[in-house]
PDB file of N, CA and C in Angstrom:
ATOM      1  N   ALA A   1     209.825  46.298 -18.734  1.00  0.00           N
ATOM      2  CA  ALA A   1     208.912  45.363 -18.088  1.00  0.00           C
ATOM      3  C   ALA A   1     207.884  44.834 -19.087  1.00  0.00           C
ATOM      4  N   ALA A   2     207.391  45.726 -19.951  1.00  0.00           N
ATOM      5  CA  ALA A   2     206.398  45.296 -20.937  1.00  0.00           C
ATOM      6  C   ALA A   2     206.982  44.286 -21.909  1.00  0.00           C
ATOM      7  N   ALA A   3     208.232  44.490 -22.293  1.00  0.00           N
ATOM      8  CA  ALA A   3     208.881  43.552 -23.213  1.00  0.00           C
ATOM      9  C   ALA A   3     209.024  42.184 -22.562  1.00  0.00           C
ATOM     10  N   GLN A   4     209.336  42.151 -21.287  1.00  0.00           N
ATOM     11  CA  GLN A   4     209.458  40.880 -20.561  1.00  0.00           C
ATOM     12  C   GLN A   4     208.108  40.169 -20.513  1.00  0.00           C
ATOM     13  N   CYS A   5     207.046  40.914 -20.240  1.00  0.00           N
ATOM     14  CA  CYS A   5     205.706  40.317 -20.217  1.00  0.00           C
ATOM     15  C   CYS A   5     205.349  39.723 -21.572  1.00  0.00           C
ATOM     16  N   ALA A   6     205.693  40.425 -22.634  1.00  0.00           N
ATOM     17  CA  ALA A   6     205.392  39.931 -23.977  1.00  0.00           C
ATOM     18  C   ALA A   6     206.108  38.617 -24.247  1.00  0.00           C
ATOM     19  N   ARG A   7     207.335  38.484 -23.760  1.00  0.00           N
ATOM     20  CA  ARG A   7     208.081  37.230 -23.974  1.00  0.00           C
ATOM     21  C   ARG A   7     207.523  36.093 -23.122  1.00  0.00           C
ATOM     22  N   ASP A   8     206.908  36.425 -21.992  1.00  0.00           N
ATOM     23  CA  ASP A   8     206.406  35.414 -21.074  1.00  0.00           C
ATOM     24  C   ASP A   8     204.918  35.137 -21.247  1.00  0.00           C
ATOM     25  N   THR A   9     204.359  35.567 -22.355  1.00  0.00           N
ATOM     26  CA  THR A   9     202.926  35.420 -22.584  1.00  0.00           C
ATOM     27  C   THR A   9     202.670  34.671 -23.882  1.00  0.00           C
ATOM     28  N   LEU A  10     201.783  33.711 -23.811  1.00  0.00           N
ATOM     29  CA  LEU A  10     201.337  33.000 -25.006  1.00  0.00           C
ATOM     30  C   LEU A  10     199.851  33.263 -25.155  1.00  0.00           C
ATOM     31  N   GLU A  11     199.469  33.836 -26.267  1.00  0.00           N
ATOM     32  CA  GLU A  11     198.065  34.117 -26.523  1.00  0.00           C
ATOM     33  C   GLU A  11     197.515  33.089 -27.491  1.00  0.00           C
ATOM     34  N   LEU A  12     196.489  32.383 -27.048  1.00  0.00           N
ATOM     35  CA  LEU A  12     195.816  31.395 -27.887  1.00  0.00           C
ATOM     36  C   LEU A  12     194.330  31.711 -27.914  1.00  0.00           C
ATOM     37  N   VAL A  13     193.749  31.636 -29.079  1.00  0.00           N
ATOM     38  CA  VAL A  13     192.322  31.897 -29.234  1.00  0.00           C
ATOM     39  C   VAL A  13     191.697  30.682 -29.911  1.00  0.00           C
ATOM     40  N   CYS A  14     190.568  30.231 -29.368  1.00  0.00           N
ATOM     41  CA  CYS A  14     189.859  29.138 -30.029  1.00  0.00           C
ATOM     42  C   CYS A  14     188.384  29.187 -29.662  1.00  0.00           C
ATOM     43  N   ASP A  15     187.584  28.549 -30.473  1.00  0.00           N
ATOM     44  CA  ASP A  15     186.159  28.394 -30.199  1.00  0.00           C
ATOM     45  C   ASP A  15     186.016  27.195 -29.274  1.00  0.00           C
ATOM     46  N   VAL A  16     185.581  27.426 -28.035  1.00  0.00           N
ATOM     47  CA  VAL A  16     185.507  26.329 -27.065  1.00  0.00           C
ATOM     48  C   VAL A  16     184.456  25.297 -27.423  1.00  0.00           C
ATOM     49  N   GLN A  17     183.624  25.581 -28.431  1.00  0.00           N
ATOM     50  CA  GLN A  17     182.656  24.594 -28.903  1.00  0.00           C
ATOM     51  C   GLN A  17     183.275  23.620 -29.901  1.00  0.00           C
ATOM     52  N   ASP A  18     184.468  23.920 -30.366  1.00  0.00           N
ATOM     53  CA  ASP A  18     185.168  23.116 -31.374  1.00  0.00           C
ATOM     54  C   ASP A  18     186.190  22.226 -30.664  1.00  0.00           C
ATOM     55  N   GLU A  19     185.869  20.939 -30.552  1.00  0.00           N
ATOM     56  CA  GLU A  19     186.716  20.018 -29.784  1.00  0.00           C
ATOM     57  C   GLU A  19     188.136  19.947 -30.318  1.00  0.00           C
ATOM     58  N   ALA A  20     188.305  19.941 -31.615  1.00  0.00           N
ATOM     59  CA  ALA A  20     189.654  19.883 -32.192  1.00  0.00           C
ATOM     60  C   ALA A  20     190.432  21.161 -31.879  1.00  0.00           C
ATOM     61  N   ALA A  21     189.756  22.305 -31.939  1.00  0.00           N
ATOM     62  CA  ALA A  21     190.424  23.572 -31.637  1.00  0.00           C
ATOM     63  C   ALA A  21     190.856  23.626 -30.179  1.00  0.00           C
ATOM     64  N   VAL A  22     190.023  23.118 -29.282  1.00  0.00           N
ATOM     65  CA  VAL A  22     190.372  23.066 -27.859  1.00  0.00           C
ATOM     66  C   VAL A  22     191.584  22.169 -27.658  1.00  0.00           C
ATOM     67  N   ARG A  23     191.535  20.988 -28.239  1.00  0.00           N
ATOM     68  CA  ARG A  23     192.651  20.050 -28.120  1.00  0.00           C
ATOM     69  C   ARG A  23     193.955  20.679 -28.631  1.00  0.00           C
ATOM     70  N   ASP A  24     193.898  21.321 -29.783  1.00  0.00           N
ATOM     71  CA  ASP A  24     195.095  21.941 -30.357  1.00  0.00           C
ATOM     72  C   ASP A  24     195.610  23.083 -29.488  1.00  0.00           C
ATOM     73  N   ALA A  25     194.699  23.899 -28.958  1.00  0.00           N
ATOM     74  CA  ALA A  25     195.112  25.030 -28.112  1.00  0.00           C
ATOM     75  C   ALA A  25     195.743  24.541 -26.814  1.00  0.00           C
ATOM     76  N   VAL A  26     195.144  23.534 -26.194  1.00  0.00           N
ATOM     77  CA  VAL A  26     195.697  23.002 -24.946  1.00  0.00           C
ATOM     78  C   VAL A  26     197.068  22.378 -25.204  1.00  0.00           C
ATOM     79  N   ARG A  27     197.182  21.626 -26.267  1.00  0.00           N
ATOM     80  CA  ARG A  27     198.474  21.015 -26.586  1.00  0.00           C
ATOM     81  C   ARG A  27     199.535  22.068 -26.893  1.00  0.00           C
ATOM     82  N   ALA A  28     199.157  23.138 -27.591  1.00  0.00           N
ATOM     83  CA  ALA A  28     200.106  24.221 -27.893  1.00  0.00           C
ATOM     84  C   ALA A  28     200.559  24.910 -26.614  1.00  0.00           C
ATOM     85  N   ALA A  29     199.621  25.148 -25.703  1.00  0.00           N
ATOM     86  CA  ALA A  29     199.976  25.783 -24.427  1.00  0.00           C
ATOM     87  C   ALA A  29     200.901  24.890 -23.616  1.00  0.00           C
ATOM     88  N   ALA A  30     200.608  23.604 -23.573  1.00  0.00           N
ATOM     89  CA  ALA A  30     201.444  22.672 -22.821  1.00  0.00           C
ATOM     90  C   ALA A  30     202.835  22.550 -23.435  1.00  0.00           C
ATOM     91  N   ALA A  31     202.905  22.532 -24.744  1.00  0.00           N
ATOM     92  CA  ALA A  31     204.200  22.406 -25.422  1.00  0.00           C
ATOM     93  C   ALA A  31     205.057  23.657 -25.238  1.00  0.00           C
ATOM     94  N   TRP A  32     204.434  24.809 -25.102  1.00  0.00           N
ATOM     95  CA  TRP A  32     205.151  26.084 -24.984  1.00  0.00           C
ATOM     96  C   TRP A  32     206.083  26.101 -23.778  1.00  0.00           C
ATOM     97  N   ARG A  33     205.650  25.552 -22.651  1.00  0.00           N
ATOM     98  CA  ARG A  33     206.454  25.554 -21.424  1.00  0.00           C
ATOM     99  C   ARG A  33     206.628  24.167 -20.808  1.00  0.00           C
ATOM    100  N   GLY A  34     206.356  23.157 -21.597  1.00  0.00           N
ATOM    101  CA  GLY A  34     206.576  21.802 -21.097  1.00  0.00           C
ATOM    102  C   GLY A  34     205.531  21.308 -20.114  1.00  0.00           C
ATOM    103  N   GLY A  35     204.315  21.817 -20.197  1.00  0.00           N
ATOM    104  CA  GLY A  35     203.228  21.404 -19.309  1.00  0.00           C
ATOM    105  C   GLY A  35     202.457  22.612 -18.829  1.00  0.00           C
ATOM    106  N   LEU A  36     201.416  22.346 -18.070  1.00  0.00           N
ATOM    107  CA  LEU A  36     200.573  23.409 -17.535  1.00  0.00           C
ATOM    108  C   LEU A  36     200.660  23.419 -16.012  1.00  0.00           C
ATOM    109  N   ASP A  37     200.673  24.602 -15.435  1.00  0.00           N
ATOM    110  CA  ASP A  37     200.650  24.742 -13.975  1.00  0.00           C
ATOM    111  C   ASP A  37     199.250  25.042 -13.469  1.00  0.00           C
ATOM    112  N   VAL A  38     198.504  25.812 -14.241  1.00  0.00           N
ATOM    113  CA  VAL A  38     197.143  26.188 -13.855  1.00  0.00           C
ATOM    114  C   VAL A  38     196.301  26.370 -15.117  1.00  0.00           C
ATOM    115  N   VAL A  39     195.046  26.014 -14.998  1.00  0.00           N
ATOM    116  CA  VAL A  39     194.080  26.225 -16.072  1.00  0.00           C
ATOM    117  C   VAL A  39     192.906  26.978 -15.460  1.00  0.00           C
ATOM    118  N   VAL A  40     192.551  28.108 -16.062  1.00  0.00           N
ATOM    119  CA  VAL A  40     191.422  28.898 -15.592  1.00  0.00           C
ATOM    120  C   VAL A  40     190.326  28.825 -16.642  1.00  0.00           C
ATOM    121  N   LEU A  41     189.197  28.277 -16.246  1.00  0.00           N
ATOM    122  CA  LEU A  41     188.042  28.174 -17.135  1.00  0.00           C
ATOM    123  C   LEU A  41     187.109  29.330 -16.797  1.00  0.00           C
ATOM    124  N   ASN A  42     187.123  30.335 -17.655  1.00  0.00           N
ATOM    125  CA  ASN A  42     186.387  31.565 -17.394  1.00  0.00           C
ATOM    126  C   ASN A  42     185.653  31.992 -18.658  1.00  0.00           C
ATOM    127  N   HIS A  43     184.783  31.139 -19.121  1.00  0.00           N
ATOM    128  CA  HIS A  43     184.020  31.475 -20.312  1.00  0.00           C
ATOM    129  C   HIS A  43     182.555  31.107 -20.104  1.00  0.00           C
ATOM    130  N   GLY A  44     181.694  31.793 -20.795  1.00  0.00           N
ATOM    131  CA  GLY A  44     180.272  31.510 -20.687  1.00  0.00           C
ATOM    132  C   GLY A  44     179.469  32.449 -21.559  1.00  0.00           C
ATOM    133  N   VAL A  45     178.253  32.039 -21.853  1.00  0.00           N
ATOM    134  CA  VAL A  45     177.315  32.844 -22.626  1.00  0.00           C
ATOM    135  C   VAL A  45     175.936  32.728 -21.988  1.00  0.00           C
ATOM    136  N   SER A  46     175.036  33.568 -22.424  1.00  0.00           N
ATOM    137  CA  SER A  46     173.652  33.529 -21.967  1.00  0.00           C
ATOM    138  C   SER A  46     172.750  33.749 -23.173  1.00  0.00           C
ATOM    139  N   HIS A  47     171.515  33.370 -23.033  1.00  0.00           N
ATOM    140  CA  HIS A  47     170.570  33.691 -24.092  1.00  0.00           C
ATOM    141  C   HIS A  47     170.090  35.118 -23.880  1.00  0.00           C
ATOM    142  N   THR A  48     169.545  35.700 -24.903  1.00  0.00           N
ATOM    143  CA  THR A  48     169.181  37.115 -24.846  1.00  0.00           C
ATOM    144  C   THR A  48     167.669  37.343 -24.866  1.00  0.00           C
ATOM    145  N   ARG A  49     166.911  36.277 -24.850  1.00  0.00           N
ATOM    146  CA  ARG A  49     165.451  36.421 -24.908  1.00  0.00           C
ATOM    147  C   ARG A  49     164.812  35.801 -23.673  1.00  0.00           C
ATOM    148  N   SER A  50     163.548  36.031 -23.524  1.00  0.00           N
ATOM    149  CA  SER A  50     162.775  35.431 -22.452  1.00  0.00           C
ATOM    150  C   SER A  50     162.841  33.911 -22.572  1.00  0.00           C
ATOM    151  N   ALA A  51     162.824  33.227 -21.446  1.00  0.00           N
ATOM    152  CA  ALA A  51     162.823  31.766 -21.455  1.00  0.00           C
ATOM    153  C   ALA A  51     161.614  31.214 -22.210  1.00  0.00           C
ATOM    154  N   LEU A  52     160.577  31.999 -22.330  1.00  0.00           N
ATOM    155  CA  LEU A  52     159.379  31.558 -23.043  1.00  0.00           C
ATOM    156  C   LEU A  52     159.510  31.676 -24.551  1.00  0.00           C
ATOM    157  N   THR A  53     160.471  32.465 -25.022  1.00  0.00           N
ATOM    158  CA  THR A  53     160.595  32.678 -26.465  1.00  0.00           C
ATOM    159  C   THR A  53     161.937  32.230 -27.033  1.00  0.00           C
ATOM    160  N   VAL A  54     162.858  31.845 -26.191  1.00  0.00           N
ATOM    161  CA  VAL A  54     164.176  31.432 -26.681  1.00  0.00           C
ATOM    162  C   VAL A  54     164.030  30.157 -27.516  1.00  0.00           C
ATOM    163  N   GLU A  55     164.779  30.068 -28.578  1.00  0.00           N
ATOM    164  CA  GLU A  55     164.712  28.914 -29.490  1.00  0.00           C
ATOM    165  C   GLU A  55     165.752  27.863 -29.092  1.00  0.00           C
ATOM    166  N   TRP A  56     165.522  26.612 -29.497  1.00  0.00           N
ATOM    167  CA  TRP A  56     166.421  25.510 -29.154  1.00  0.00           C
ATOM    168  C   TRP A  56     167.872  25.726 -29.592  1.00  0.00           C
ATOM    169  N   PRO A  57     168.138  26.257 -30.784  1.00  0.00           N
ATOM    170  CA  PRO A  57     169.545  26.471 -31.155  1.00  0.00           C
ATOM    171  C   PRO A  57     170.285  27.384 -30.166  1.00  0.00           C
ATOM    172  N   GLU A  58     169.580  28.391 -29.649  1.00  0.00           N
ATOM    173  CA  GLU A  58     170.208  29.284 -28.679  1.00  0.00           C
ATOM    174  C   GLU A  58     170.448  28.556 -27.353  1.00  0.00           C
ATOM    175  N   TRP A  59     169.487  27.742 -26.920  1.00  0.00           N
ATOM    176  CA  TRP A  59     169.680  26.950 -25.698  1.00  0.00           C
ATOM    177  C   TRP A  59     170.845  25.974 -25.870  1.00  0.00           C
ATOM    178  N   ARG A  60     170.919  25.337 -27.038  1.00  0.00           N
ATOM    179  CA  ARG A  60     172.021  24.400 -27.300  1.00  0.00           C
ATOM    180  C   ARG A  60     173.365  25.108 -27.187  1.00  0.00           C
ATOM    181  N   ARG A  61     173.450  26.313 -27.733  1.00  0.00           N
ATOM    182  CA  ARG A  61     174.696  27.078 -27.662  1.00  0.00           C
ATOM    183  C   ARG A  61     175.061  27.380 -26.199  1.00  0.00           C
ATOM    184  N   VAL A  62     174.075  27.780 -25.405  1.00  0.00           N
ATOM    185  CA  VAL A  62     174.326  28.059 -23.985  1.00  0.00           C
ATOM    186  C   VAL A  62     174.855  26.811 -23.287  1.00  0.00           C
ATOM    187  N   LEU A  63     174.224  25.684 -23.521  1.00  0.00           N
ATOM    188  CA  LEU A  63     174.673  24.436 -22.897  1.00  0.00           C
ATOM    189  C   LEU A  63     176.025  23.982 -23.431  1.00  0.00           C
ATOM    190  N   ASP A  64     176.242  24.118 -24.722  1.00  0.00           N
ATOM    191  CA  ASP A  64     177.521  23.726 -25.312  1.00  0.00           C
ATOM    192  C   ASP A  64     178.677  24.533 -24.733  1.00  0.00           C
ATOM    193  N   VAL A  65     178.475  25.842 -24.601  1.00  0.00           N
ATOM    194  CA  VAL A  65     179.552  26.692 -24.088  1.00  0.00           C
ATOM    195  C   VAL A  65     179.686  26.580 -22.573  1.00  0.00           C
ATOM    196  N   ASN A  66     178.573  26.659 -21.862  1.00  0.00           N
ATOM    197  CA  ASN A  66     178.634  26.745 -20.406  1.00  0.00           C
ATOM    198  C   ASN A  66     178.806  25.403 -19.704  1.00  0.00           C
ATOM    199  N   LEU A  67     178.513  24.320 -20.363  1.00  0.00           N
ATOM    200  CA  LEU A  67     178.625  23.004 -19.723  1.00  0.00           C
ATOM    201  C   LEU A  67     179.589  22.086 -20.467  1.00  0.00           C
ATOM    202  N   LYS A  68     179.239  21.741 -21.698  1.00  0.00           N
ATOM    203  CA  LYS A  68     180.045  20.758 -22.424  1.00  0.00           C
ATOM    204  C   LYS A  68     181.488  21.221 -22.636  1.00  0.00           C
ATOM    205  N   SER A  69     181.665  22.477 -23.014  1.00  0.00           N
ATOM    206  CA  SER A  69     183.030  22.937 -23.289  1.00  0.00           C
ATOM    207  C   SER A  69     183.866  23.041 -22.023  1.00  0.00           C
ATOM    208  N   VAL A  70     183.236  23.349 -20.897  1.00  0.00           N
ATOM    209  CA  VAL A  70     183.973  23.412 -19.628  1.00  0.00           C
ATOM    210  C   VAL A  70     184.545  22.035 -19.300  1.00  0.00           C
ATOM    211  N   VAL A  71     183.723  21.017 -19.431  1.00  0.00           N
ATOM    212  CA  VAL A  71     184.184  19.648 -19.176  1.00  0.00           C
ATOM    213  C   VAL A  71     185.273  19.270 -20.173  1.00  0.00           C
ATOM    214  N   HIS A  72     185.079  19.603 -21.428  1.00  0.00           N
ATOM    215  CA  HIS A  72     186.057  19.238 -22.449  1.00  0.00           C
ATOM    216  C   HIS A  72     187.404  19.920 -22.211  1.00  0.00           C
ATOM    217  N   VAL A  73     187.397  21.225 -21.958  1.00  0.00           N
ATOM    218  CA  VAL A  73     188.653  21.940 -21.703  1.00  0.00           C
ATOM    219  C   VAL A  73     189.337  21.377 -20.460  1.00  0.00           C
ATOM    220  N   ALA A  74     188.568  21.119 -19.414  1.00  0.00           N
ATOM    221  CA  ALA A  74     189.154  20.557 -18.181  1.00  0.00           C
ATOM    222  C   ALA A  74     189.786  19.195 -18.445  1.00  0.00           C
ATOM    223  N   LEU A  75     189.076  18.321 -19.146  1.00  0.00           N
ATOM    224  CA  LEU A  75     189.613  16.981 -19.418  1.00  0.00           C
ATOM    225  C   LEU A  75     190.861  17.033 -20.293  1.00  0.00           C
ATOM    226  N   GLU A  76     190.857  17.890 -21.294  1.00  0.00           N
ATOM    227  CA  GLU A  76     192.054  18.033 -22.141  1.00  0.00           C
ATOM    228  C   GLU A  76     193.222  18.587 -21.339  1.00  0.00           C
ATOM    229  N   SER A  77     192.937  19.517 -20.442  1.00  0.00           N
ATOM    230  CA  SER A  77     193.989  20.212 -19.708  1.00  0.00           C
ATOM    231  C   SER A  77     194.643  19.370 -18.627  1.00  0.00           C
ATOM    232  N   VAL A  78     193.864  18.590 -17.892  1.00  0.00           N
ATOM    233  CA  VAL A  78     194.438  17.842 -16.766  1.00  0.00           C
ATOM    234  C   VAL A  78     195.495  16.844 -17.227  1.00  0.00           C
ATOM    235  N   ARG A  79     195.426  16.428 -18.449  1.00  0.00           N
ATOM    236  CA  ARG A  79     196.447  15.510 -18.985  1.00  0.00           C
ATOM    237  C   ARG A  79     197.827  16.160 -19.047  1.00  0.00           C
ATOM    238  N   HIS A  80     197.850  17.487 -19.038  1.00  0.00           N
ATOM    239  CA  HIS A  80     199.104  18.222 -19.194  1.00  0.00           C
ATOM    240  C   HIS A  80     199.523  18.964 -17.929  1.00  0.00           C
ATOM    241  N   LEU A  81     198.770  18.795 -16.836  1.00  0.00           N
ATOM    242  CA  LEU A  81     199.103  19.517 -15.606  1.00  0.00           C
ATOM    243  C   LEU A  81     200.347  18.942 -14.950  1.00  0.00           C
ATOM    244  N   ARG A  82     201.218  19.840 -14.518  1.00  0.00           N
ATOM    245  CA  ARG A  82     202.385  19.445 -13.723  1.00  0.00           C
ATOM    246  C   ARG A  82     201.988  19.547 -12.257  1.00  0.00           C
ATOM    247  N   ALA A  83     202.489  18.642 -11.439  1.00  0.00           N
ATOM    248  CA  ALA A  83     202.189  18.676 -10.003  1.00  0.00           C
ATOM    249  C   ALA A  83     202.835  19.908  -9.386  1.00  0.00           C
ATOM    250  N   PRO A  84     202.190  20.595  -8.512  1.00  0.00           N
ATOM    251  CA  PRO A  84     200.812  20.445  -8.028  1.00  0.00           C
ATOM    252  C   PRO A  84     199.857  21.355  -8.783  1.00  0.00           C
ATOM    253  N   GLY A  85     199.583  21.088 -10.018  1.00  0.00           N
ATOM    254  CA  GLY A  85     198.743  21.942 -10.852  1.00  0.00           C
ATOM    255  C   GLY A  85     197.313  22.022 -10.351  1.00  0.00           C
ATOM    256  N   CYS A  86     196.581  22.987 -10.889  1.00  0.00           N
ATOM    257  CA  CYS A  86     195.184  23.117 -10.483  1.00  0.00           C
ATOM    258  C   CYS A  86     194.329  23.635 -11.631  1.00  0.00           C
ATOM    259  N   VAL A  87     193.052  23.344 -11.526  1.00  0.00           N
ATOM    260  CA  VAL A  87     192.060  23.831 -12.478  1.00  0.00           C
ATOM    261  C   VAL A  87     191.118  24.741 -11.696  1.00  0.00           C
ATOM    262  N   VAL A  88     190.934  25.956 -12.185  1.00  0.00           N
ATOM    263  CA  VAL A  88     190.059  26.934 -11.543  1.00  0.00           C
ATOM    264  C   VAL A  88     188.836  27.135 -12.427  1.00  0.00           C
ATOM    265  N   LEU A  89     187.664  26.900 -11.866  1.00  0.00           N
ATOM    266  CA  LEU A  89     186.406  27.098 -12.589  1.00  0.00           C
ATOM    267  C   LEU A  89     185.762  28.381 -12.081  1.00  0.00           C
ATOM    268  N   VAL A  90     185.496  29.317 -12.974  1.00  0.00           N
ATOM    269  CA  VAL A  90     184.873  30.584 -12.615  1.00  0.00           C
ATOM    270  C   VAL A  90     183.415  30.520 -13.053  1.00  0.00           C
ATOM    271  N   ALA A  91     182.508  30.861 -12.141  1.00  0.00           N
ATOM    272  CA  ALA A  91     181.079  30.839 -12.456  1.00  0.00           C
ATOM    273  C   ALA A  91     180.495  32.227 -12.229  1.00  0.00           C
ATOM    274  N   SER A  92     179.303  32.419 -12.712  1.00  0.00           N
ATOM    275  CA  SER A  92     178.627  33.705 -12.602  1.00  0.00           C
ATOM    276  C   SER A  92     177.656  33.706 -11.428  1.00  0.00           C
ATOM    277  N   VAL A  93     177.511  34.854 -10.795  1.00  0.00           N
ATOM    278  CA  VAL A  93     176.516  34.984  -9.732  1.00  0.00           C
ATOM    279  C   VAL A  93     175.106  34.921 -10.299  1.00  0.00           C
ATOM    280  N   ALA A  94     174.978  34.990 -11.618  1.00  0.00           N
ATOM    281  CA  ALA A  94     173.658  34.882 -12.245  1.00  0.00           C
ATOM    282  C   ALA A  94     173.019  33.535 -11.952  1.00  0.00           C
ATOM    283  N   ALA A  95     173.804  32.552 -11.576  1.00  0.00           N
ATOM    284  CA  ALA A  95     173.269  31.228 -11.256  1.00  0.00           C
ATOM    285  C   ALA A  95     172.433  31.245  -9.984  1.00  0.00           C
ATOM    286  N   PHE A  96     172.566  32.283  -9.171  1.00  0.00           N
ATOM    287  CA  PHE A  96     171.896  32.330  -7.887  1.00  0.00           C
ATOM    288  C   PHE A  96     170.585  33.126  -7.905  1.00  0.00           C
ATOM    289  N   GLY A  97     170.204  33.606  -9.054  1.00  0.00           N
ATOM    290  CA  GLY A  97     168.979  34.385  -9.122  1.00  0.00           C
ATOM    291  C   GLY A  97     168.458  34.439 -10.540  1.00  0.00           C
ATOM    292  N   ALA A  98     167.265  34.909 -10.660  1.00  0.00           N
ATOM    293  CA  ALA A  98     166.658  35.030 -11.984  1.00  0.00           C
ATOM    294  C   ALA A  98     166.068  36.414 -12.139  1.00  0.00           C
ATOM    295  N   GLY A  99     166.107  36.895 -13.356  1.00  0.00           N
ATOM    296  CA  GLY A  99     165.504  38.177 -13.661  1.00  0.00           C
ATOM    297  C   GLY A  99     164.218  37.973 -14.429  1.00  0.00           C
ATOM    298  N   PRO A 100     163.583  39.045 -14.799  1.00  0.00           N
ATOM    299  CA  PRO A 100     162.337  38.936 -15.579  1.00  0.00           C
ATOM    300  C   PRO A 100     162.533  38.117 -16.850  1.00  0.00           C
ATOM    301  N   GLY A 101     161.696  37.144 -17.058  1.00  0.00           N
ATOM    302  CA  GLY A 101     161.742  36.346 -18.273  1.00  0.00           C
ATOM    303  C   GLY A 101     162.769  35.237 -18.285  1.00  0.00           C
ATOM    304  N   LEU A 102     163.590  35.147 -17.262  1.00  0.00           N
ATOM    305  CA  LEU A 102     164.588  34.095 -17.227  1.00  0.00           C
ATOM    306  C   LEU A 102     164.043  32.903 -16.514  1.00  0.00           C
TER     307      LEU A 102
END
Protein backbone atom coordinates (compact mmCIF):
# COMPACT_ATOMS: atom_id res chain seq x y z
CA ALA A 1 0.00 0.00 0.00
CA ALA A 2 2.83 2.39 0.83
CA ALA A 3 4.47 1.77 -2.53
CA GLN A 4 1.20 2.58 -4.29
CA CYS A 5 0.87 5.83 -2.34
CA ALA A 6 4.41 6.79 -3.31
CA ARG A 7 3.60 6.29 -7.00
CA ASP A 8 0.40 8.33 -6.68
CA THR A 9 2.00 11.27 -4.89
CA LEU A 10 3.77 14.29 -6.30
CA GLU A 11 5.66 16.39 -3.80
CA LEU A 12 6.36 19.98 -4.80
CA VAL A 13 7.93 22.61 -2.59
CA CYS A 14 8.09 26.31 -3.35
CA ASP A 15 8.21 29.70 -1.68
CA VAL A 16 4.67 31.05 -2.12
CA GLN A 17 6.11 34.58 -2.11
CA ASP A 18 8.01 33.80 -5.34
CA GLU A 19 5.61 34.24 -8.26
CA ALA A 20 7.77 32.31 -10.72
CA ALA A 21 8.17 29.41 -8.27
CA VAL A 22 4.39 29.27 -7.75
CA ARG A 23 3.76 29.32 -11.49
CA ASP A 24 6.31 26.54 -12.07
CA ALA A 25 4.95 24.39 -9.23
CA VAL A 26 1.34 24.74 -10.39
CA ARG A 27 2.29 23.95 -13.97
CA ALA A 28 4.32 20.90 -12.85
CA ALA A 29 1.39 19.62 -10.79
CA ALA A 30 -1.03 20.12 -13.67
CA ALA A 31 1.30 18.44 -16.16
CA TRP A 32 1.79 15.43 -13.86
CA ARG A 33 -1.83 14.26 -14.24
CA GLY A 34 -3.13 16.38 -17.08
CA GLY A 35 -4.82 19.03 -14.92
CA LEU A 36 -5.90 19.69 -11.37
CA ASP A 37 -8.99 18.38 -9.59
CA VAL A 38 -8.59 20.26 -6.32
CA VAL A 39 -6.31 22.94 -4.92
CA VAL A 40 -5.97 23.37 -1.16
CA LEU A 41 -4.53 26.67 0.00
CA ASN A 42 -3.33 25.98 3.52
CA HIS A 43 -0.44 28.27 4.23
CA GLY A 44 0.09 31.26 6.47
CA VAL A 45 2.43 33.04 8.84
CA SER A 46 2.12 35.44 11.76
CA HIS A 47 4.34 38.04 13.28
CA THR A 48 6.02 37.18 16.54
CA ARG A 49 6.05 40.55 18.29
CA SER A 50 3.53 42.94 19.74
CA ALA A 51 1.62 44.98 17.17
CA LEU A 52 3.24 48.02 18.76
CA THR A 53 6.78 46.83 18.08
CA VAL A 54 6.51 44.78 14.89
CA GLU A 55 8.55 46.23 12.01
CA TRP A 56 7.27 46.88 8.47
CA PRO A 57 9.32 44.09 6.82
CA GLU A 58 7.63 41.56 9.11
CA TRP A 59 4.17 43.00 8.35
CA ARG A 60 4.96 42.89 4.62
CA ARG A 61 5.89 39.21 4.93
CA VAL A 62 2.62 38.45 6.74
CA LEU A 63 0.61 40.21 4.04
CA ASP A 64 2.64 38.70 1.20
CA VAL A 65 2.14 35.15 2.48
CA ASN A 66 -1.36 35.38 3.93
CA LEU A 67 -2.99 37.54 1.27
CA LYS A 68 -1.03 38.12 -1.92
CA SER A 69 0.25 34.56 -2.30
CA VAL A 70 -3.19 33.06 -1.68
CA VAL A 71 -4.62 35.10 -4.55
CA HIS A 72 -1.64 34.29 -6.76
CA VAL A 73 -1.77 30.52 -6.14
CA ALA A 74 -5.55 30.50 -6.68
CA LEU A 75 -5.30 32.44 -9.95
CA GLU A 76 -2.50 30.24 -11.27
CA SER A 77 -4.36 27.09 -10.25
CA VAL A 78 -7.84 27.78 -11.64
CA ARG A 79 -6.39 27.88 -15.15
CA HIS A 80 -5.59 24.18 -14.77
CA LEU A 81 -8.71 22.94 -12.96
CA ARG A 82 -10.68 20.15 -14.60
CA ALA A 83 -14.46 20.29 -14.20
CA PRO A 84 -15.85 20.07 -11.56
CA GLY A 85 -12.65 21.16 -9.82
CA CYS A 86 -12.56 23.22 -6.66
CA VAL A 87 -10.32 25.51 -4.67
CA VAL A 88 -10.33 25.11 -0.88
CA LEU A 89 -9.13 28.03 1.24
CA VAL A 90 -8.13 27.15 4.81
CA ALA A 91 -8.06 29.97 7.36
CA SER A 92 -7.07 30.20 11.00
CA VAL A 93 -9.42 30.73 13.92
CA ALA A 94 -6.91 33.37 15.01
CA ALA A 95 -8.79 35.75 12.72
CA PHE A 96 -11.70 35.74 15.17
CA GLY A 97 -9.85 36.96 18.22
CA ALA A 98 -6.83 38.78 19.47
CA GLY A 99 -4.35 38.01 22.17
CA PRO A 100 -2.17 40.30 24.25
CA GLY A 101 -0.22 42.67 22.03
CA LEU A 102 -1.93 41.64 18.83
